[in-house]
Amino acid sequence: MTFARMGDVAKLDAFFEWLSSNPKVRVASKIISRFTDDISSYEFEHKREHVATGIDCYMKQFGVSKERAVEAIETIVSNSWKDLNQELMRPHSCPFPLLMRVLNLSRVIDVFYRYQDAYTHPKFLKEHIKSLFIDNIPI
C-alpha cells in the first residue's frame, strides 16, 4: 500500500522484480521486524500459547537459555541494522524513494517494539505521540 500513490517512481514490474530477488535491504528489514517483535512480545505470546517465537526456535535449535537466545537475537538485529544502513549507502537499481519506504518501516518497528510491545499495548506510544505533536522542540 505504501507504494500505491507514488506514480512514476513506483514502476511496479521493475520494483517487484527487484524485491523478488530478495535483496539484502529486504532481508535486513524482515529480520529487524520479526526479531524485534519477538523480543518485546515474548512474555505476552507465552500467555496466549498459540505460536512459537523466534526466541523459542533459537532456544530449541541451539539448546540455550532464554537470556542467551535473546542476547544472540539482539546481536542478529544489530547486525541487520548495519546491513540495512550499508546497503542504503550504495547505488541500487531500485529508486531511492522506494528504499526509504523499507527503511521507514524498520524505523517504525523499532519505535513500536524497542522497549515494550507498543503495537499490542498502544498506551506505551502516548509519550511518543505527545512529543511529536504537543511538546515544543527547544531551538
N, C-alpha and C. Protein backbone atom coordinates (compact mmCIF):
# COMPACT_ATOMS: atom_id res chain seq x y z
N MET A 1 0.81 -1.20 0.00
CA MET A 1 0.00 0.00 0.00
C MET A 1 0.86 1.26 0.00
N THR A 2 2.01 1.19 0.60
CA THR A 2 2.84 2.38 0.70
C THR A 2 3.34 2.87 -0.65
N PHE A 3 3.33 2.01 -1.67
CA PHE A 3 3.81 2.39 -2.99
C PHE A 3 2.68 2.82 -3.93
N ALA A 4 1.43 2.67 -3.51
CA ALA A 4 0.29 2.87 -4.40
C ALA A 4 0.21 4.27 -4.99
N ARG A 5 0.51 5.30 -4.22
CA ARG A 5 0.34 6.68 -4.69
C ARG A 5 1.66 7.33 -5.12
N MET A 6 2.65 6.54 -5.48
CA MET A 6 3.95 7.10 -5.82
C MET A 6 4.12 7.35 -7.32
N GLY A 7 3.12 7.06 -8.10
CA GLY A 7 3.15 7.38 -9.52
C GLY A 7 4.30 6.74 -10.27
N ASP A 8 5.04 7.56 -11.03
CA ASP A 8 6.12 7.07 -11.88
C ASP A 8 7.29 6.50 -11.11
N VAL A 9 7.44 6.91 -9.86
CA VAL A 9 8.56 6.40 -9.06
C VAL A 9 8.42 4.90 -8.84
N ALA A 10 7.20 4.48 -8.60
CA ALA A 10 6.95 3.06 -8.30
C ALA A 10 6.48 2.33 -9.55
N LYS A 11 7.40 1.98 -10.41
CA LYS A 11 7.06 1.15 -11.56
C LYS A 11 6.98 -0.27 -11.04
N LEU A 12 5.78 -0.75 -10.86
CA LEU A 12 5.54 -1.98 -10.13
C LEU A 12 6.28 -3.19 -10.67
N ASP A 13 6.33 -3.35 -11.97
CA ASP A 13 7.00 -4.52 -12.53
C ASP A 13 8.48 -4.56 -12.15
N ALA A 14 9.17 -3.44 -12.35
CA ALA A 14 10.59 -3.39 -12.03
C ALA A 14 10.83 -3.52 -10.53
N PHE A 15 9.97 -2.87 -9.76
CA PHE A 15 10.13 -2.92 -8.31
C PHE A 15 9.91 -4.33 -7.77
N PHE A 16 8.84 -4.98 -8.19
CA PHE A 16 8.56 -6.32 -7.69
C PHE A 16 9.58 -7.34 -8.19
N GLU A 17 10.12 -7.11 -9.37
CA GLU A 17 11.20 -7.97 -9.84
C GLU A 17 12.42 -7.82 -8.94
N TRP A 18 12.77 -6.57 -8.61
CA TRP A 18 13.89 -6.32 -7.71
C TRP A 18 13.61 -6.90 -6.33
N LEU A 19 12.40 -6.70 -5.83
CA LEU A 19 12.03 -7.18 -4.50
C LEU A 19 12.04 -8.71 -4.44
N SER A 20 11.61 -9.36 -5.50
CA SER A 20 11.58 -10.83 -5.51
C SER A 20 12.97 -11.44 -5.61
N SER A 21 13.98 -10.62 -5.95
CA SER A 21 15.36 -11.14 -5.96
C SER A 21 15.93 -11.23 -4.55
N ASN A 22 15.11 -10.88 -3.55
CA ASN A 22 15.47 -10.97 -2.13
C ASN A 22 16.74 -10.15 -1.82
N PRO A 23 16.71 -8.85 -2.09
CA PRO A 23 17.89 -8.01 -1.83
C PRO A 23 18.19 -7.92 -0.34
N LYS A 24 19.42 -7.58 -0.03
CA LYS A 24 19.88 -7.51 1.35
C LYS A 24 19.07 -6.50 2.17
N VAL A 25 18.60 -5.43 1.54
CA VAL A 25 17.77 -4.43 2.22
C VAL A 25 16.50 -5.08 2.75
N ARG A 26 15.88 -5.88 1.91
CA ARG A 26 14.63 -6.56 2.30
C ARG A 26 14.89 -7.58 3.40
N VAL A 27 15.94 -8.36 3.26
CA VAL A 27 16.27 -9.38 4.26
C VAL A 27 16.54 -8.73 5.62
N ALA A 28 17.32 -7.65 5.62
CA ALA A 28 17.64 -6.96 6.88
C ALA A 28 16.37 -6.41 7.52
N SER A 29 15.50 -5.81 6.72
CA SER A 29 14.26 -5.26 7.25
C SER A 29 13.36 -6.35 7.84
N LYS A 30 13.29 -7.50 7.17
CA LYS A 30 12.49 -8.61 7.70
C LYS A 30 13.04 -9.11 9.03
N ILE A 31 14.35 -9.24 9.13
CA ILE A 31 14.98 -9.71 10.37
C ILE A 31 14.71 -8.72 11.50
N ILE A 32 14.90 -7.43 11.22
CA ILE A 32 14.65 -6.41 12.23
C ILE A 32 13.20 -6.47 12.71
N SER A 33 12.29 -6.54 11.77
CA SER A 33 10.86 -6.54 12.11
C SER A 33 10.47 -7.77 12.92
N ARG A 34 10.84 -8.94 12.44
CA ARG A 34 10.41 -10.17 13.11
C ARG A 34 11.03 -10.34 14.50
N PHE A 35 12.35 -10.18 14.57
CA PHE A 35 13.02 -10.46 15.84
C PHE A 35 12.80 -9.37 16.88
N THR A 36 12.68 -8.11 16.47
CA THR A 36 12.39 -7.05 17.44
C THR A 36 11.02 -7.28 18.05
N ASP A 37 10.07 -7.68 17.24
CA ASP A 37 8.74 -8.04 17.75
C ASP A 37 8.83 -9.22 18.70
N ASP A 38 9.55 -10.25 18.32
CA ASP A 38 9.67 -11.45 19.16
C ASP A 38 10.28 -11.14 20.53
N ILE A 39 11.28 -10.29 20.56
CA ILE A 39 11.94 -9.97 21.82
C ILE A 39 10.98 -9.23 22.76
N SER A 40 10.29 -8.22 22.23
CA SER A 40 9.46 -7.40 23.12
C SER A 40 8.14 -8.06 23.49
N SER A 41 7.63 -8.93 22.65
CA SER A 41 6.33 -9.55 22.95
C SER A 41 6.45 -10.99 23.46
N TYR A 42 7.64 -11.41 23.84
CA TYR A 42 7.87 -12.80 24.25
C TYR A 42 6.95 -13.23 25.39
N GLU A 43 6.90 -12.45 26.46
CA GLU A 43 6.08 -12.82 27.62
C GLU A 43 4.59 -12.86 27.26
N PHE A 44 4.14 -11.87 26.51
CA PHE A 44 2.73 -11.82 26.10
C PHE A 44 2.37 -13.01 25.22
N GLU A 45 3.25 -13.36 24.29
CA GLU A 45 2.98 -14.51 23.41
C GLU A 45 2.89 -15.81 24.20
N HIS A 46 3.67 -15.93 25.25
CA HIS A 46 3.62 -17.16 26.04
C HIS A 46 2.35 -17.26 26.87
N LYS A 47 1.75 -16.13 27.21
CA LYS A 47 0.46 -16.17 27.91
C LYS A 47 -0.63 -16.67 26.97
N ARG A 48 -0.52 -16.35 25.69
CA ARG A 48 -1.52 -16.76 24.70
C ARG A 48 -1.30 -18.19 24.22
N GLU A 49 -0.07 -18.67 24.30
CA GLU A 49 0.30 -20.06 23.96
C GLU A 49 -0.20 -20.52 22.59
N HIS A 50 -0.09 -19.68 21.58
CA HIS A 50 -0.60 -20.12 20.28
C HIS A 50 0.51 -20.37 19.25
N VAL A 51 1.63 -19.70 19.39
CA VAL A 51 2.72 -19.91 18.43
C VAL A 51 4.07 -19.83 19.14
N ALA A 52 5.04 -20.41 18.49
CA ALA A 52 6.41 -20.28 18.99
C ALA A 52 7.02 -19.00 18.44
N THR A 53 7.85 -18.36 19.23
CA THR A 53 8.53 -17.15 18.78
C THR A 53 9.91 -17.51 18.24
N GLY A 54 10.59 -16.53 17.68
CA GLY A 54 11.96 -16.74 17.22
C GLY A 54 12.87 -17.12 18.37
N ILE A 55 12.58 -16.60 19.55
CA ILE A 55 13.37 -16.94 20.74
C ILE A 55 13.21 -18.42 21.08
N ASP A 56 11.97 -18.91 21.04
CA ASP A 56 11.72 -20.34 21.30
C ASP A 56 12.47 -21.22 20.30
N CYS A 57 12.40 -20.84 19.04
CA CYS A 57 13.08 -21.61 18.00
C CYS A 57 14.60 -21.61 18.21
N TYR A 58 15.15 -20.46 18.57
CA TYR A 58 16.59 -20.36 18.81
C TYR A 58 16.99 -21.21 20.01
N MET A 59 16.18 -21.15 21.08
CA MET A 59 16.47 -21.95 22.28
C MET A 59 16.47 -23.44 21.95
N LYS A 60 15.49 -23.87 21.18
CA LYS A 60 15.38 -25.29 20.84
C LYS A 60 16.51 -25.71 19.90
N GLN A 61 16.80 -24.88 18.90
CA GLN A 61 17.83 -25.21 17.91
C GLN A 61 19.22 -25.33 18.54
N PHE A 62 19.55 -24.38 19.42
CA PHE A 62 20.91 -24.33 19.95
C PHE A 62 21.01 -24.77 21.40
N GLY A 63 19.89 -25.13 22.02
CA GLY A 63 19.91 -25.64 23.40
C GLY A 63 20.45 -24.64 24.41
N VAL A 64 20.01 -23.38 24.29
CA VAL A 64 20.49 -22.34 25.20
C VAL A 64 19.32 -21.80 26.02
N SER A 65 19.66 -21.01 27.03
CA SER A 65 18.64 -20.40 27.88
C SER A 65 17.96 -19.26 27.14
N LYS A 66 16.86 -18.79 27.71
CA LYS A 66 16.13 -17.67 27.12
C LYS A 66 17.02 -16.43 27.06
N GLU A 67 17.75 -16.17 28.12
CA GLU A 67 18.61 -14.98 28.17
C GLU A 67 19.68 -15.03 27.07
N ARG A 68 20.29 -16.19 26.89
CA ARG A 68 21.32 -16.35 25.86
C ARG A 68 20.71 -16.21 24.47
N ALA A 69 19.51 -16.75 24.29
CA ALA A 69 18.82 -16.64 22.99
C ALA A 69 18.50 -15.18 22.68
N VAL A 70 18.02 -14.44 23.69
CA VAL A 70 17.70 -13.03 23.48
C VAL A 70 18.96 -12.24 23.14
N GLU A 71 20.06 -12.51 23.82
CA GLU A 71 21.33 -11.83 23.51
C GLU A 71 21.76 -12.10 22.06
N ALA A 72 21.66 -13.36 21.66
CA ALA A 72 22.06 -13.73 20.30
C ALA A 72 21.17 -13.07 19.26
N ILE A 73 19.88 -13.03 19.52
CA ILE A 73 18.95 -12.43 18.58
C ILE A 73 19.14 -10.91 18.54
N GLU A 74 19.44 -10.29 19.68
CA GLU A 74 19.73 -8.85 19.68
C GLU A 74 20.97 -8.55 18.83
N THR A 75 21.95 -9.44 18.87
CA THR A 75 23.14 -9.28 18.02
C THR A 75 22.77 -9.40 16.54
N ILE A 76 21.91 -10.35 16.23
CA ILE A 76 21.44 -10.52 14.84
C ILE A 76 20.71 -9.26 14.38
N VAL A 77 19.86 -8.69 15.23
CA VAL A 77 19.13 -7.47 14.89
C VAL A 77 20.10 -6.31 14.69
N SER A 78 21.07 -6.18 15.57
CA SER A 78 22.07 -5.12 15.45
C SER A 78 22.85 -5.23 14.14
N ASN A 79 23.23 -6.43 13.78
CA ASN A 79 23.95 -6.65 12.52
C ASN A 79 23.05 -6.36 11.32
N SER A 80 21.77 -6.63 11.46
CA SER A 80 20.83 -6.33 10.37
C SER A 80 20.66 -4.83 10.17
N TRP A 81 20.68 -4.06 11.25
CA TRP A 81 20.66 -2.60 11.13
C TRP A 81 21.89 -2.13 10.37
N LYS A 82 23.03 -2.71 10.68
CA LYS A 82 24.28 -2.34 9.98
C LYS A 82 24.16 -2.68 8.50
N ASP A 83 23.65 -3.87 8.20
CA ASP A 83 23.47 -4.28 6.80
C ASP A 83 22.52 -3.33 6.07
N LEU A 84 21.41 -2.99 6.71
CA LEU A 84 20.43 -2.11 6.10
C LEU A 84 21.04 -0.75 5.80
N ASN A 85 21.74 -0.18 6.76
CA ASN A 85 22.36 1.13 6.55
C ASN A 85 23.45 1.08 5.48
N GLN A 86 24.22 0.02 5.49
CA GLN A 86 25.28 -0.15 4.49
C GLN A 86 24.69 -0.25 3.08
N GLU A 87 23.64 -1.02 2.95
CA GLU A 87 23.01 -1.21 1.64
C GLU A 87 22.39 0.09 1.12
N LEU A 88 21.88 0.91 2.02
CA LEU A 88 21.26 2.16 1.58
C LEU A 88 22.29 3.19 1.13
N MET A 89 23.57 2.96 1.42
CA MET A 89 24.62 3.90 1.02
C MET A 89 25.20 3.58 -0.35
N ARG A 90 24.78 2.49 -0.96
CA ARG A 90 25.33 2.16 -2.27
C ARG A 90 24.23 2.25 -3.33
N PRO A 91 24.61 2.39 -4.59
CA PRO A 91 23.59 2.52 -5.65
C PRO A 91 22.77 1.24 -5.83
N HIS A 92 21.52 1.43 -6.21
CA HIS A 92 20.60 0.31 -6.46
C HIS A 92 19.87 0.56 -7.76
N SER A 93 19.36 -0.51 -8.31
CA SER A 93 18.52 -0.38 -9.50
C SER A 93 17.13 0.12 -9.11
N CYS A 94 16.81 0.03 -7.85
CA CYS A 94 15.53 0.47 -7.33
C CYS A 94 15.61 1.95 -6.95
N PRO A 95 14.59 2.76 -7.27
CA PRO A 95 14.61 4.17 -6.90
C PRO A 95 14.71 4.38 -5.39
N PHE A 96 15.47 5.38 -4.99
CA PHE A 96 15.73 5.62 -3.57
C PHE A 96 14.45 5.89 -2.76
N PRO A 97 13.45 6.59 -3.29
CA PRO A 97 12.22 6.78 -2.50
C PRO A 97 11.56 5.46 -2.10
N LEU A 98 11.69 4.44 -2.92
CA LEU A 98 11.14 3.13 -2.55
C LEU A 98 11.97 2.48 -1.45
N LEU A 99 13.28 2.65 -1.54
CA LEU A 99 14.15 2.11 -0.49
C LEU A 99 13.87 2.79 0.85
N MET A 100 13.56 4.07 0.80
CA MET A 100 13.25 4.80 2.03
C MET A 100 12.00 4.24 2.70
N ARG A 101 11.07 3.72 1.91
CA ARG A 101 9.88 3.11 2.50
C ARG A 101 10.26 1.88 3.32
N VAL A 102 11.20 1.10 2.81
CA VAL A 102 11.67 -0.09 3.54
C VAL A 102 12.37 0.35 4.83
N LEU A 103 13.23 1.36 4.74
CA LEU A 103 13.91 1.88 5.93
C LEU A 103 12.91 2.41 6.94
N ASN A 104 11.93 3.18 6.47
CA ASN A 104 10.95 3.76 7.40
C ASN A 104 10.10 2.70 8.08
N LEU A 105 9.81 1.61 7.39
CA LEU A 105 9.10 0.51 8.05
C LEU A 105 9.93 -0.04 9.19
N SER A 106 11.22 -0.21 8.98
CA SER A 106 12.10 -0.71 10.03
C SER A 106 12.17 0.28 11.20
N ARG A 107 12.17 1.56 10.88
CA ARG A 107 12.19 2.58 11.94
C ARG A 107 10.93 2.53 12.78
N VAL A 108 9.78 2.37 12.12
CA VAL A 108 8.52 2.31 12.85
C VAL A 108 8.48 1.07 13.74
N ILE A 109 8.96 -0.04 13.23
CA ILE A 109 9.02 -1.26 14.03
C ILE A 109 9.88 -1.04 15.26
N ASP A 110 10.99 -0.33 15.08
CA ASP A 110 11.88 -0.03 16.21
C ASP A 110 11.16 0.80 17.27
N VAL A 111 10.38 1.79 16.85
CA VAL A 111 9.63 2.61 17.80
C VAL A 111 8.56 1.77 18.51
N PHE A 112 7.87 0.94 17.77
CA PHE A 112 6.79 0.15 18.34
C PHE A 112 7.28 -0.95 19.29
N TYR A 113 8.44 -1.52 19.02
CA TYR A 113 8.85 -2.71 19.77
C TYR A 113 10.16 -2.60 20.53
N ARG A 114 10.85 -1.49 20.50
CA ARG A 114 12.19 -1.40 21.11
C ARG A 114 12.17 -1.77 22.60
N TYR A 115 11.30 -1.17 23.38
CA TYR A 115 11.33 -1.38 24.83
C TYR A 115 10.16 -2.19 25.34
N GLN A 116 9.04 -2.10 24.67
CA GLN A 116 7.87 -2.90 25.02
C GLN A 116 7.00 -3.04 23.78
N ASP A 117 6.01 -3.87 23.85
CA ASP A 117 5.14 -4.12 22.71
C ASP A 117 4.08 -3.03 22.63
N ALA A 118 4.42 -1.92 22.00
CA ALA A 118 3.50 -0.80 21.89
C ALA A 118 2.46 -1.01 20.78
N TYR A 119 2.65 -2.01 19.95
CA TYR A 119 1.65 -2.32 18.93
C TYR A 119 0.45 -2.97 19.60
N THR A 120 0.70 -3.95 20.46
CA THR A 120 -0.37 -4.63 21.18
C THR A 120 -0.94 -3.74 22.28
N HIS A 121 -0.08 -2.94 22.90
CA HIS A 121 -0.48 -2.07 24.02
C HIS A 121 -0.17 -0.62 23.63
N PRO A 122 -1.03 0.03 22.86
CA PRO A 122 -0.73 1.36 22.32
C PRO A 122 -0.58 2.46 23.38
N LYS A 123 -0.97 2.20 24.61
CA LYS A 123 -0.79 3.22 25.66
C LYS A 123 0.69 3.57 25.83
N PHE A 124 1.59 2.67 25.44
CA PHE A 124 3.02 2.94 25.55
C PHE A 124 3.49 3.98 24.52
N LEU A 125 2.68 4.24 23.51
CA LEU A 125 3.04 5.23 22.49
C LEU A 125 2.63 6.65 22.85
N LYS A 126 1.91 6.80 23.95
CA LYS A 126 1.38 8.10 24.33
C LYS A 126 2.47 9.17 24.39
N GLU A 127 3.59 8.88 25.02
CA GLU A 127 4.67 9.86 25.15
C GLU A 127 5.31 10.18 23.80
N HIS A 128 5.43 9.19 22.93
CA HIS A 128 5.98 9.43 21.59
C HIS A 128 5.09 10.39 20.81
N ILE A 129 3.82 10.12 20.83
CA ILE A 129 2.87 10.94 20.09
C ILE A 129 2.82 12.35 20.68
N LYS A 130 2.82 12.43 22.00
CA LYS A 130 2.82 13.73 22.66
C LYS A 130 4.06 14.53 22.27
N SER A 131 5.21 13.88 22.23
CA SER A 131 6.44 14.59 21.88
C SER A 131 6.43 15.07 20.43
N LEU A 132 5.73 14.36 19.56
CA LEU A 132 5.65 14.76 18.16
C LEU A 132 4.72 15.94 17.92
N PHE A 133 3.57 15.96 18.59
CA PHE A 133 2.54 16.92 18.25
C PHE A 133 2.27 17.99 19.30
N ILE A 134 2.68 17.79 20.53
CA ILE A 134 2.34 18.74 21.58
C ILE A 134 3.56 19.47 22.12
N ASP A 135 4.59 18.74 22.48
CA ASP A 135 5.77 19.35 23.10
C ASP A 135 6.57 20.17 22.08
N ASN A 136 7.01 21.34 22.51
CA ASN A 136 7.85 22.18 21.67
C ASN A 136 9.27 21.66 21.67
N ILE A 137 9.96 21.85 20.58
CA ILE A 137 11.37 21.48 20.49
C ILE A 137 12.18 22.75 20.74
N PRO A 138 13.00 22.75 21.79
CA PRO A 138 13.79 23.96 22.06
C PRO A 138 14.84 24.16 20.97
N ILE A 139 14.94 25.38 20.52
CA ILE A 139 15.91 25.71 19.45
C ILE A 139 16.95 26.66 19.99
